[in-house]
Every structure is written in C-alpha cells, then in structure tokens.
Amino acid sequence: MEIDAITVKALRQSKGWTQQHLADACAISLRTVQRVEKEGSASSETLLGLCAVLEVEQKNLLQIPIPDRQQMQQVSLRSQSIILAIAVISGGCIGAIITYLAIS
C-alpha cells in the first residue's frame, strides 16, 4: 500500500520521536519504519498501527496516485465519446418526438 512517507516522517518528528520509538509504539520493526519513511510502502496492518499511534485517520497517510498524462487523455477521450453518444441518442429522440407531434 502506498502511503505518504513525508507525512509519516513529519508526524514522527513533530512528536520528537526516533524511528525506533515509533517502531516500538507500533509493534513493528525499525526496518519497517525506515522503509515507510523512505519508500512510502506499508502493509495495511502497518498503516493501521501508524494511524493509531500517530493519532491520524488513514486518509491523512494514504498517498493519492496521480495518473500520468496518457491515462488522463484516455479518460478524456472516453468521456467525450460518452457525451457524444448521449447527444446523438437524445437528438434522435427529440427529433422523433417533434415529428410525431407534427404529424398528429
């Protein structure tokens, strides 16, 4: 699970704790704390322990992935295609209704 390494380190330092102190408080290894603060990688159990000890909600530690440009373009093209399809179907329906009303 990707978590915000900078936030974890900042919260730890704001309490004046060493990495070892945080590890002991969370019942995890020093190596795990080092990995979290360096790589932002942690298991869900580690995340829960960090949240409990640092007194923050999970959403404050989770790192939100930023989609790359190609993914954004694909989403944009897909959205445009959906909007175009809705417009065509709606236009066809409105045209049929107007024709029906004109004939009646």
PDB file of N, CA and C in Angstrom:
ATOM      1  N   MET A   1       0.846  -1.162   0.000  1.00  0.00           N
ATOM      2  CA  MET A   1       0.000   0.000   0.000  1.00  0.00           C
ATOM      3  C   MET A   1       0.896   1.230   0.000  1.00  0.00           C
ATOM      4  N   GLU A   2       0.526   2.208  -0.821  1.00  0.00           N
ATOM      5  CA  GLU A   2       1.328   3.428  -0.915  1.00  0.00           C
ATOM      6  C   GLU A   2       0.835   4.458   0.100  1.00  0.00           C
ATOM      7  N   ILE A   3       1.753   4.897   0.941  1.00  0.00           N
ATOM      8  CA  ILE A   3       1.403   5.928   1.907  1.00  0.00           C
ATOM      9  C   ILE A   3       2.373   7.093   1.758  1.00  0.00           C
ATOM     10  N   ASP A   4       2.012   8.230   2.320  1.00  0.00           N
ATOM     11  CA  ASP A   4       2.808   9.441   2.190  1.00  0.00           C
ATOM     12  C   ASP A   4       3.964   9.410   3.195  1.00  0.00           C
ATOM     13  N   ALA A   5       5.138   9.097   2.677  1.00  0.00           N
ATOM     14  CA  ALA A   5       6.324   8.952   3.528  1.00  0.00           C
ATOM     15  C   ALA A   5       6.686  10.257   4.226  1.00  0.00           C
ATOM     16  N   ILE A   6       6.516  11.363   3.535  1.00  0.00           N
ATOM     17  CA  ILE A   6       6.879  12.665   4.107  1.00  0.00           C
ATOM     18  C   ILE A   6       5.985  12.988   5.304  1.00  0.00           C
ATOM     19  N   THR A   7       4.703  12.681   5.186  1.00  0.00           N
ATOM     20  CA  THR A   7       3.768  12.947   6.284  1.00  0.00           C
ATOM     21  C   THR A   7       4.093  12.089   7.498  1.00  0.00           C
ATOM     22  N   VAL A   8       4.400  10.821   7.262  1.00  0.00           N
ATOM     23  CA  VAL A   8       4.749   9.929   8.384  1.00  0.00           C
ATOM     24  C   VAL A   8       5.973  10.468   9.115  1.00  0.00           C
ATOM     25  N   LYS A   9       6.986  10.831   8.352  1.00  0.00           N
ATOM     26  CA  LYS A   9       8.214  11.345   8.968  1.00  0.00           C
ATOM     27  C   LYS A   9       7.947  12.653   9.718  1.00  0.00           C
ATOM     28  N   ALA A  10       7.163  13.534   9.118  1.00  0.00           N
ATOM     29  CA  ALA A  10       6.861  14.817   9.755  1.00  0.00           C
ATOM     30  C   ALA A  10       6.075  14.622  11.052  1.00  0.00           C
ATOM     31  N   LEU A  11       5.116  13.720  11.040  1.00  0.00           N
ATOM     32  CA  LEU A  11       4.340  13.448  12.259  1.00  0.00           C
ATOM     33  C   LEU A  11       5.222  12.858  13.351  1.00  0.00           C
ATOM     34  N   ARG A  12       6.091  11.941  12.956  1.00  0.00           N
ATOM     35  CA  ARG A  12       7.015  11.338  13.937  1.00  0.00           C
ATOM     36  C   ARG A  12       7.912  12.403  14.555  1.00  0.00           C
ATOM     37  N   GLN A  13       8.475  13.250  13.693  1.00  0.00           N
ATOM     38  CA  GLN A  13       9.389  14.283  14.184  1.00  0.00           C
ATOM     39  C   GLN A  13       8.666  15.332  15.029  1.00  0.00           C
ATOM     40  N   SER A  14       7.409  15.619  14.684  1.00  0.00           N
ATOM     41  CA  SER A  14       6.654  16.609  15.468  1.00  0.00           C
ATOM     42  C   SER A  14       6.437  16.135  16.902  1.00  0.00           C
ATOM     43  N   LYS A  15       6.439  14.822  17.105  1.00  0.00           N
ATOM     44  CA  LYS A  15       6.296  14.261  18.452  1.00  0.00           C
ATOM     45  C   LYS A  15       7.650  14.103  19.137  1.00  0.00           C
ATOM     46  N   GLY A  16       8.708  14.385  18.385  1.00  0.00           N
ATOM     47  CA  GLY A  16      10.055  14.264  18.943  1.00  0.00           C
ATOM     48  C   GLY A  16      10.507  12.821  19.089  1.00  0.00           C
ATOM     49  N   TRP A  17       9.939  11.933  18.293  1.00  0.00           N
ATOM     50  CA  TRP A  17      10.248  10.509  18.379  1.00  0.00           C
ATOM     51  C   TRP A  17      11.335  10.110  17.398  1.00  0.00           C
ATOM     52  N   THR A  18      12.114   9.122  17.792  1.00  0.00           N
ATOM     53  CA  THR A  18      13.055   8.490  16.870  1.00  0.00           C
ATOM     54  C   THR A  18      12.293   7.432  16.069  1.00  0.00           C
ATOM     55  N   GLN A  19      12.925   6.947  15.028  1.00  0.00           N
ATOM     56  CA  GLN A  19      12.311   5.860  14.260  1.00  0.00           C
ATOM     57  C   GLN A  19      12.119   4.633  15.140  1.00  0.00           C
ATOM     58  N   GLN A  20      13.071   4.381  16.014  1.00  0.00           N
ATOM     59  CA  GLN A  20      12.971   3.224  16.907  1.00  0.00           C
ATOM     60  C   GLN A  20      11.791   3.371  17.861  1.00  0.00           C
ATOM     61  N   HIS A  21      11.576   4.588  18.379  1.00  0.00           N
ATOM     62  CA  HIS A  21      10.447   4.820  19.284  1.00  0.00           C
ATOM     63  C   HIS A  21       9.124   4.549  18.557  1.00  0.00           C
ATOM     64  N   LEU A  22       9.001   5.046  17.319  1.00  0.00           N
ATOM     65  CA  LEU A  22       7.787   4.805  16.533  1.00  0.00           C
ATOM     66  C   LEU A  22       7.602   3.315  16.271  1.00  0.00           C
ATOM     67  N   ALA A  23       8.686   2.643  15.947  1.00  0.00           N
ATOM     68  CA  ALA A  23       8.612   1.196  15.705  1.00  0.00           C
ATOM     69  C   ALA A  23       8.131   0.458  16.943  1.00  0.00           C
ATOM     70  N   ASP A  24       8.668   0.802  18.082  1.00  0.00           N
ATOM     71  CA  ASP A  24       8.255   0.154  19.336  1.00  0.00           C
ATOM     72  C   ASP A  24       6.787   0.442  19.652  1.00  0.00           C
ATOM     73  N   ALA A  25       6.369   1.682  19.458  1.00  0.00           N
ATOM     74  CA  ALA A  25       4.990   2.059  19.756  1.00  0.00           C
ATOM     75  C   ALA A  25       3.993   1.338  18.843  1.00  0.00           C
ATOM     76  N   CYS A  26       4.403   1.080  17.599  1.00  0.00           N
ATOM     77  CA  CYS A  26       3.521   0.402  16.630  1.00  0.00           C
ATOM     78  C   CYS A  26       3.683  -1.109  16.638  1.00  0.00           C
ATOM     79  N   ALA A  27       4.644  -1.600  17.394  1.00  0.00           N
ATOM     80  CA  ALA A  27       4.963  -3.029  17.428  1.00  0.00           C
ATOM     81  C   ALA A  27       5.364  -3.535  16.038  1.00  0.00           C
ATOM     82  N   ILE A  28       6.207  -2.741  15.376  1.00  0.00           N
ATOM     83  CA  ILE A  28       6.774  -3.128  14.079  1.00  0.00           C
ATOM     84  C   ILE A  28       8.284  -2.979  14.162  1.00  0.00           C
ATOM     85  N   SER A  29       8.977  -3.441  13.149  1.00  0.00           N
ATOM     86  CA  SER A  29      10.435  -3.377  13.190  1.00  0.00           C
ATOM     87  C   SER A  29      10.935  -1.995  12.773  1.00  0.00           C
ATOM     88  N   LEU A  30      12.141  -1.689  13.215  1.00  0.00           N
ATOM     89  CA  LEU A  30      12.790  -0.451  12.819  1.00  0.00           C
ATOM     90  C   LEU A  30      12.917  -0.414  11.301  1.00  0.00           C
ATOM     91  N   ARG A  31      13.248  -1.543  10.700  1.00  0.00           N
ATOM     92  CA  ARG A  31      13.396  -1.621   9.242  1.00  0.00           C
ATOM     93  C   ARG A  31      12.090  -1.243   8.538  1.00  0.00           C
ATOM     94  N   THR A  32      10.960  -1.625   9.105  1.00  0.00           N
ATOM     95  CA  THR A  32       9.667  -1.279   8.510  1.00  0.00           C
ATOM     96  C   THR A  32       9.457   0.229   8.540  1.00  0.00           C
ATOM     97  N   VAL A  33       9.760   0.862   9.662  1.00  0.00           N
ATOM     98  CA  VAL A  33       9.634   2.321   9.756  1.00  0.00           C
ATOM     99  C   VAL A  33      10.561   2.990   8.751  1.00  0.00           C
ATOM    100  N   GLN A  34      11.783   2.494   8.632  1.00  0.00           N
ATOM    101  CA  GLN A  34      12.725   3.065   7.668  1.00  0.00           C
ATOM    102  C   GLN A  34      12.187   2.939   6.244  1.00  0.00           C
ATOM    103  N   ARG A  35      11.615   1.780   5.910  1.00  0.00           N
ATOM    104  CA  ARG A  35      11.063   1.562   4.569  1.00  0.00           C
ATOM    105  C   ARG A  35       9.873   2.486   4.318  1.00  0.00           C
ATOM    106  N   VAL A  36       9.027   2.633   5.329  1.00  0.00           N
ATOM    107  CA  VAL A  36       7.859   3.511   5.185  1.00  0.00           C
ATOM    108  C   VAL A  36       8.316   4.940   4.912  1.00  0.00           C
ATOM    109  N   GLU A  37       9.274   5.423   5.675  1.00  0.00           N
ATOM    110  CA  GLU A  37       9.723   6.803   5.520  1.00  0.00           C
ATOM    111  C   GLU A  37      10.556   7.021   4.266  1.00  0.00           C
ATOM    112  N   LYS A  38      11.155   5.969   3.746  1.00  0.00           N
ATOM    113  CA  LYS A  38      11.974   6.120   2.541  1.00  0.00           C
ATOM    114  C   LYS A  38      11.167   5.864   1.274  1.00  0.00           C
ATOM    115  N   GLU A  39      10.381   4.779   1.257  1.00  0.00           N
ATOM    116  CA  GLU A  39       9.704   4.347   0.041  1.00  0.00           C
ATOM    117  C   GLU A  39       8.196   4.604   0.052  1.00  0.00           C
ATOM    118  N   GLY A  40       7.624   4.834   1.216  1.00  0.00           N
ATOM    119  CA  GLY A  40       6.182   5.019   1.308  1.00  0.00           C
ATOM    120  C   GLY A  40       5.412   3.728   1.107  1.00  0.00           C
ATOM    121  N   SER A  41       6.049   2.610   1.411  1.00  0.00           N
ATOM    122  CA  SER A  41       5.441   1.300   1.222  1.00  0.00           C
ATOM    123  C   SER A  41       5.144   0.671   2.576  1.00  0.00           C
ATOM    124  N   ALA A  42       3.871   0.220   2.748  1.00  0.00           N
ATOM    125  CA  ALA A  42       3.491  -0.385   4.021  1.00  0.00           C
ATOM    126  C   ALA A  42       2.311  -1.322   3.824  1.00  0.00           C
ATOM    127  N   SER A  43       2.222  -2.318   4.678  1.00  0.00           N
ATOM    128  CA  SER A  43       1.065  -3.216   4.650  1.00  0.00           C
ATOM    129  C   SER A  43      -0.114  -2.498   5.301  1.00  0.00           C
ATOM    130  N   SER A  44      -1.294  -3.050   5.131  1.00  0.00           N
ATOM    131  CA  SER A  44      -2.478  -2.435   5.748  1.00  0.00           C
ATOM    132  C   SER A  44      -2.385  -2.493   7.268  1.00  0.00           C
ATOM    133  N   GLU A  45      -1.773  -3.554   7.803  1.00  0.00           N
ATOM    134  CA  GLU A  45      -1.601  -3.655   9.254  1.00  0.00           C
ATOM    135  C   GLU A  45      -0.665  -2.562   9.775  1.00  0.00           C
ATOM    136  N   THR A  46       0.409  -2.323   9.036  1.00  0.00           N
ATOM    137  CA  THR A  46       1.350  -1.271   9.419  1.00  0.00           C
ATOM    138  C   THR A  46       0.665   0.084   9.358  1.00  0.00           C
ATOM    139  N   LEU A  47      -0.122   0.308   8.314  1.00  0.00           N
ATOM    140  CA  LEU A  47      -0.853   1.568   8.185  1.00  0.00           C
ATOM    141  C   LEU A  47      -1.785   1.786   9.375  1.00  0.00           C
ATOM    142  N   LEU A  48      -2.512   0.751   9.762  1.00  0.00           N
ATOM    143  CA  LEU A  48      -3.420   0.866  10.904  1.00  0.00           C
ATOM    144  C   LEU A  48      -2.662   1.192  12.188  1.00  0.00           C
ATOM    145  N   GLY A  49      -1.526   0.544  12.369  1.00  0.00           N
ATOM    146  CA  GLY A  49      -0.712   0.805  13.564  1.00  0.00           C
ATOM    147  C   GLY A  49      -0.180   2.229  13.584  1.00  0.00           C
ATOM    148  N   LEU A  50       0.296   2.697  12.443  1.00  0.00           N
ATOM    149  CA  LEU A  50       0.804   4.064  12.356  1.00  0.00           C
ATOM    150  C   LEU A  50      -0.303   5.077  12.649  1.00  0.00           C
ATOM    151  N   CYS A  51      -1.471   4.832  12.085  1.00  0.00           N
ATOM    152  CA  CYS A  51      -2.599   5.744  12.312  1.00  0.00           C
ATOM    153  C   CYS A  51      -2.975   5.799  13.788  1.00  0.00           C
ATOM    154  N   ALA A  52      -3.012   4.653  14.427  1.00  0.00           N
ATOM    155  CA  ALA A  52      -3.379   4.600  15.843  1.00  0.00           C
ATOM    156  C   ALA A  52      -2.359   5.337  16.699  1.00  0.00           C
ATOM    157  N   VAL A  53      -1.096   5.074  16.468  1.00  0.00           N
ATOM    158  CA  VAL A  53      -0.045   5.662  17.296  1.00  0.00           C
ATOM    159  C   VAL A  53       0.144   7.148  17.004  1.00  0.00           C
ATOM    160  N   LEU A  54       0.058   7.523  15.717  1.00  0.00           N
ATOM    161  CA  LEU A  54       0.243   8.933  15.355  1.00  0.00           C
ATOM    162  C   LEU A  54      -1.048   9.750  15.492  1.00  0.00           C
ATOM    163  N   GLU A  55      -2.139   9.045  15.821  1.00  0.00           N
ATOM    164  CA  GLU A  55      -3.445   9.674  16.057  1.00  0.00           C
ATOM    165  C   GLU A  55      -3.945  10.463  14.852  1.00  0.00           C
ATOM    166  N   VAL A  56      -3.932   9.786  13.700  1.00  0.00           N
ATOM    167  CA  VAL A  56      -4.455  10.381  12.467  1.00  0.00           C
ATOM    168  C   VAL A  56      -5.343   9.358  11.753  1.00  0.00           C
ATOM    169  N   GLU A  57      -6.196   9.844  10.872  1.00  0.00           N
ATOM    170  CA  GLU A  57      -7.036   8.961  10.083  1.00  0.00           C
ATOM    171  C   GLU A  57      -6.239   8.413   8.908  1.00  0.00           C
ATOM    172  N   GLN A  58      -6.673   7.270   8.388  1.00  0.00           N
ATOM    173  CA  GLN A  58      -5.976   6.635   7.271  1.00  0.00           C
ATOM    174  C   GLN A  58      -5.856   7.558   6.073  1.00  0.00           C
ATOM    175  N   LYS A  59      -6.916   8.317   5.800  1.00  0.00           N
ATOM    176  CA  LYS A  59      -6.900   9.194   4.624  1.00  0.00           C
ATOM    177  C   LYS A  59      -5.783  10.232   4.699  1.00  0.00           C
ATOM    178  N   ASN A  60      -5.312  10.536   5.912  1.00  0.00           N
ATOM    179  CA  ASN A  60      -4.231  11.504   6.061  1.00  0.00           C
ATOM    180  C   ASN A  60      -2.866  10.912   5.706  1.00  0.00           C
ATOM    181  N   LEU A  61      -2.768   9.597   5.727  1.00  0.00           N
ATOM    182  CA  LEU A  61      -1.489   8.963   5.415  1.00  0.00           C
ATOM    183  C   LEU A  61      -1.456   8.335   4.027  1.00  0.00           C
ATOM    184  N   LEU A  62      -2.611   8.036   3.469  1.00  0.00           N
ATOM    185  CA  LEU A  62      -2.635   7.406   2.156  1.00  0.00           C
ATOM    186  C   LEU A  62      -2.196   8.381   1.084  1.00  0.00           C
ATOM    187  N   GLN A  63      -1.414   7.867   0.157  1.00  0.00           N
ATOM    188  CA  GLN A  63      -0.933   8.689  -0.943  1.00  0.00           C
ATOM    189  C   GLN A  63      -1.871   8.498  -2.125  1.00  0.00           C
ATOM    190  N   ILE A  64      -2.370   9.582  -2.658  1.00  0.00           N
ATOM    191  CA  ILE A  64      -3.283   9.516  -3.789  1.00  0.00           C
ATOM    192  C   ILE A  64      -2.452   9.429  -5.064  1.00  0.00           C
ATOM    193  N   PRO A  65      -2.637   8.339  -5.828  1.00  0.00           N
ATOM    194  CA  PRO A  65      -1.864   8.210  -7.060  1.00  0.00           C
ATOM    195  C   PRO A  65      -2.272   9.271  -8.084  1.00  0.00           C
ATOM    196  N   ILE A  66      -1.288   9.844  -8.742  1.00  0.00           N
ATOM    197  CA  ILE A  66      -1.538  10.841  -9.770  1.00  0.00           C
ATOM    198  C   ILE A  66      -1.437  10.158 -11.129  1.00  0.00           C
ATOM    199  N   PRO A  67      -2.523  10.158 -11.896  1.00  0.00           N
ATOM    200  CA  PRO A  67      -2.481   9.487 -13.193  1.00  0.00           C
ATOM    201  C   PRO A  67      -1.536  10.210 -14.142  1.00  0.00           C
ATOM    202  N   ASP A  68      -0.899   9.448 -14.999  1.00  0.00           N
ATOM    203  CA  ASP A  68       0.004  10.073 -15.956  1.00  0.00           C
ATOM    204  C   ASP A  68      -0.803  10.715 -17.090  1.00  0.00           C
ATOM    205  N   ARG A  69      -0.125  11.457 -17.926  1.00  0.00           N
ATOM    206  CA  ARG A  69      -0.776  12.230 -18.990  1.00  0.00           C
ATOM    207  C   ARG A  69      -1.559  11.340 -19.950  1.00  0.00           C
ATOM    208  N   GLN A  70      -0.997  10.187 -20.317  1.00  0.00           N
ATOM    209  CA  GLN A  70      -1.667   9.282 -21.249  1.00  0.00           C
ATOM    210  C   GLN A  70      -2.985   8.773 -20.656  1.00  0.00           C
ATOM    211  N   GLN A  71      -2.989   8.428 -19.380  1.00  0.00           N
ATOM    212  CA  GLN A  71      -4.222   7.983 -18.729  1.00  0.00           C
ATOM    213  C   GLN A  71      -5.264   9.089 -18.728  1.00  0.00           C
ATOM    214  N   MET A  72      -4.827  10.322 -18.483  1.00  0.00           N
ATOM    215  CA  MET A  72      -5.750  11.456 -18.475  1.00  0.00           C
ATOM    216  C   MET A  72      -6.362  11.651 -19.857  1.00  0.00           C
ATOM    217  N   GLN A  73      -5.561  11.503 -20.917  1.00  0.00           N
ATOM    218  CA  GLN A  73      -6.071  11.665 -22.274  1.00  0.00           C
ATOM    219  C   GLN A  73      -7.066  10.565 -22.602  1.00  0.00           C
ATOM    220  N   GLN A  74      -6.792   9.335 -22.156  1.00  0.00           N
ATOM    221  CA  GLN A  74      -7.709   8.233 -22.414  1.00  0.00           C
ATOM    222  C   GLN A  74      -9.034   8.467 -21.714  1.00  0.00           C
ATOM    223  N   VAL A  75      -8.987   8.951 -20.482  1.00  0.00           N
ATOM    224  CA  VAL A  75     -10.211   9.244 -19.750  1.00  0.00           C
ATOM    225  C   VAL A  75     -10.971  10.357 -20.459  1.00  0.00           C
ATOM    226  N   SER A  76     -10.244  11.372 -20.902  1.00  0.00           N
ATOM    227  CA  SER A  76     -10.872  12.500 -21.580  1.00  0.00           C
ATOM    228  C   SER A  76     -11.541  12.046 -22.880  1.00  0.00           C
ATOM    229  N   LEU A  77     -10.863  11.232 -23.676  1.00  0.00           N
ATOM    230  CA  LEU A  77     -11.439  10.735 -24.923  1.00  0.00           C
ATOM    231  C   LEU A  77     -12.657   9.861 -24.655  1.00  0.00           C
ATOM    232  N   ARG A  78     -12.578   9.058 -23.634  1.00  0.00           N
ATOM    233  CA  ARG A  78     -13.709   8.202 -23.281  1.00  0.00           C
ATOM    234  C   ARG A  78     -14.906   9.041 -22.851  1.00  0.00           C
ATOM    235  N   SER A  79     -14.660  10.052 -22.043  1.00  0.00           N
ATOM    236  CA  SER A  79     -15.733  10.940 -21.606  1.00  0.00           C
ATOM    237  C   SER A  79     -16.367  11.655 -22.787  1.00  0.00           C
ATOM    238  N   GLN A  80     -15.541  12.118 -23.705  1.00  0.00           N
ATOM    239  CA  GLN A  80     -16.053  12.802 -24.887  1.00  0.00           C
ATOM    240  C   GLN A  80     -16.905  11.864 -25.732  1.00  0.00           C
ATOM    241  N   SER A  81     -16.471  10.617 -25.860  1.00  0.00           N
ATOM    242  CA  SER A  81     -17.231   9.638 -26.640  1.00  0.00           C
ATOM    243  C   SER A  81     -18.591   9.374 -26.004  1.00  0.00           C
ATOM    244  N   ILE A  82     -18.623   9.271 -24.702  1.00  0.00           N
ATOM    245  CA  ILE A  82     -19.883   9.028 -23.990  1.00  0.00           C
ATOM    246  C   ILE A  82     -20.820  10.218 -24.156  1.00  0.00           C
ATOM    247  N   ILE A  83     -20.289  11.411 -24.018  1.00  0.00           N
ATOM    248  CA  ILE A  83     -21.115  12.612 -24.178  1.00  0.00           C
ATOM    249  C   ILE A  83     -21.665  12.702 -25.596  1.00  0.00           C
ATOM    250  N   LEU A  84     -20.840  12.407 -26.584  1.00  0.00           N
ATOM    251  CA  LEU A  84     -21.290  12.432 -27.985  1.00  0.00           C
ATOM    252  C   LEU A  84     -22.402  11.412 -28.207  1.00  0.00           C
ATOM    253  N   ALA A  85     -22.244  10.218 -27.674  1.00  0.00           N
ATOM    254  CA  ALA A  85     -23.270   9.175 -27.841  1.00  0.00           C
ATOM    255  C   ALA A  85     -24.585   9.611 -27.192  1.00  0.00           C
ATOM    256  N   ILE A  86     -24.522  10.197 -26.028  1.00  0.00           N
ATOM    257  CA  ILE A  86     -25.729  10.671 -25.343  1.00  0.00           C
ATOM    258  C   ILE A  86     -26.397  11.779 -26.159  1.00  0.00           C
ATOM    259  N   ALA A  87     -25.593  12.683 -26.717  1.00  0.00           N
ATOM    260  CA  ALA A  87     -26.140  13.786 -27.514  1.00  0.00           C
ATOM    261  C   ALA A  87     -26.832  13.260 -28.764  1.00  0.00           C
ATOM    262  N   VAL A  88     -26.223  12.281 -29.439  1.00  0.00           N
ATOM    263  CA  VAL A  88     -26.812  11.717 -30.652  1.00  0.00           C
ATOM    264  C   VAL A  88     -28.133  11.017 -30.330  1.00  0.00           C
ATOM    265  N   ILE A  89     -28.137  10.215 -29.285  1.00  0.00           N
ATOM    266  CA  ILE A  89     -29.362   9.496 -28.904  1.00  0.00           C
ATOM    267  C   ILE A  89     -30.451  10.478 -28.478  1.00  0.00           C
ATOM    268  N   SER A  90     -30.082  11.479 -27.682  1.00  0.00           N
ATOM    269  CA  SER A  90     -31.066  12.473 -27.235  1.00  0.00           C
ATOM    270  C   SER A  90     -31.618  13.251 -28.422  1.00  0.00           C
ATOM    271  N   GLY A  91     -30.740  13.650 -29.333  1.00  0.00           N
ATOM    272  CA  GLY A  91     -31.183  14.387 -30.523  1.00  0.00           C
ATOM    273  C   GLY A  91     -32.130  13.569 -31.371  1.00  0.00           C
ATOM    274  N   GLY A  92     -31.817  12.304 -31.525  1.00  0.00           N
ATOM    275  CA  GLY A  92     -32.700  11.420 -32.290  1.00  0.00           C
ATOM    276  C   GLY A  92     -34.062  11.278 -31.645  1.00  0.00           C
ATOM    277  N   CYS A  93     -34.075  11.140 -30.354  1.00  0.00           N
ATOM    278  CA  CYS A  93     -35.352  11.005 -29.631  1.00  0.00           C
ATOM    279  C   CYS A  93     -36.176  12.291 -29.737  1.00  0.00           C
ATOM    280  N   ILE A  94     -35.509  13.426 -29.564  1.00  0.00           N
ATOM    281  CA  ILE A  94     -36.232  14.703 -29.654  1.00  0.00           C
ATOM    282  C   ILE A  94     -36.777  14.898 -31.062  1.00  0.00           C
ATOM    283  N   GLY A  95     -35.971  14.562 -32.053  1.00  0.00           N
ATOM    284  CA  GLY A  95     -36.427  14.677 -33.443  1.00  0.00           C
ATOM    285  C   GLY A  95     -37.634  13.790 -33.698  1.00  0.00           C
ATOM    286  N   ALA A  96     -37.622  12.565 -33.187  1.00  0.00           N
ATOM    287  CA  ALA A  96     -38.740  11.647 -33.378  1.00  0.00           C
ATOM    288  C   ALA A  96     -39.990  12.174 -32.691  1.00  0.00           C
ATOM    289  N   ILE A  97     -39.855  12.735 -31.514  1.00  0.00           N
ATOM    290  CA  ILE A  97     -40.993  13.280 -30.784  1.00  0.00           C
ATOM    291  C   ILE A  97     -41.595  14.471 -31.543  1.00  0.00           C
ATOM    292  N   ILE A  98     -40.738  15.338 -32.027  1.00  0.00           N
ATOM    293  CA  ILE A  98     -41.228  16.505 -32.783  1.00  0.00           C
ATOM    294  C   ILE A  98     -41.950  16.057 -34.042  1.00  0.00           C
ATOM    295  N   THR A  99     -41.403  15.086 -34.757  1.00  0.00           N
ATOM    296  CA  THR A  99     -42.039  14.558 -35.967  1.00  0.00           C
ATOM    297  C   THR A  99     -43.386  13.939 -35.633  1.00  0.00           C
ATOM    298  N   TYR A 100     -43.452  13.173 -34.563  1.00  0.00           N
ATOM    299  CA  TYR A 100     -44.705  12.528 -34.152  1.00  0.00           C
ATOM    300  C   TYR A 100     -45.763  13.584 -33.813  1.00  0.00           C
ATOM    301  N   LEU A 101     -45.341  14.610 -33.070  1.00  0.00           N
ATOM    302  CA  LEU A 101     -46.277  15.675 -32.696  1.00  0.00           C
ATOM    303  C   LEU A 101     -46.728  16.483 -33.915  1.00  0.00           C
ATOM    304  N   ALA A 102     -45.847  16.683 -34.878  1.00  0.00           N
ATOM    305  CA  ALA A 102     -46.202  17.443 -36.080  1.00  0.00           C
ATOM    306  C   ALA A 102     -47.202  16.662 -36.923  1.00  0.00           C
ATOM    307  N   ILE A 103     -47.068  15.356 -36.988  1.00  0.00           N
ATOM    308  CA  ILE A 103     -47.976  14.520 -37.787  1.00  0.00           C
ATOM    309  C   ILE A 103     -49.331  14.397 -37.124  1.00  0.00           C
ATOM    310  N   SER A 104     -49.362  14.353 -35.805  1.00  0.00           N
ATOM    311  CA  SER A 104     -50.619  14.140 -35.081  1.00  0.00           C
ATOM    312  C   SER A 104     -51.549  15.309 -35.168  1.00  0.00           C
TER     313      SER A 104
END
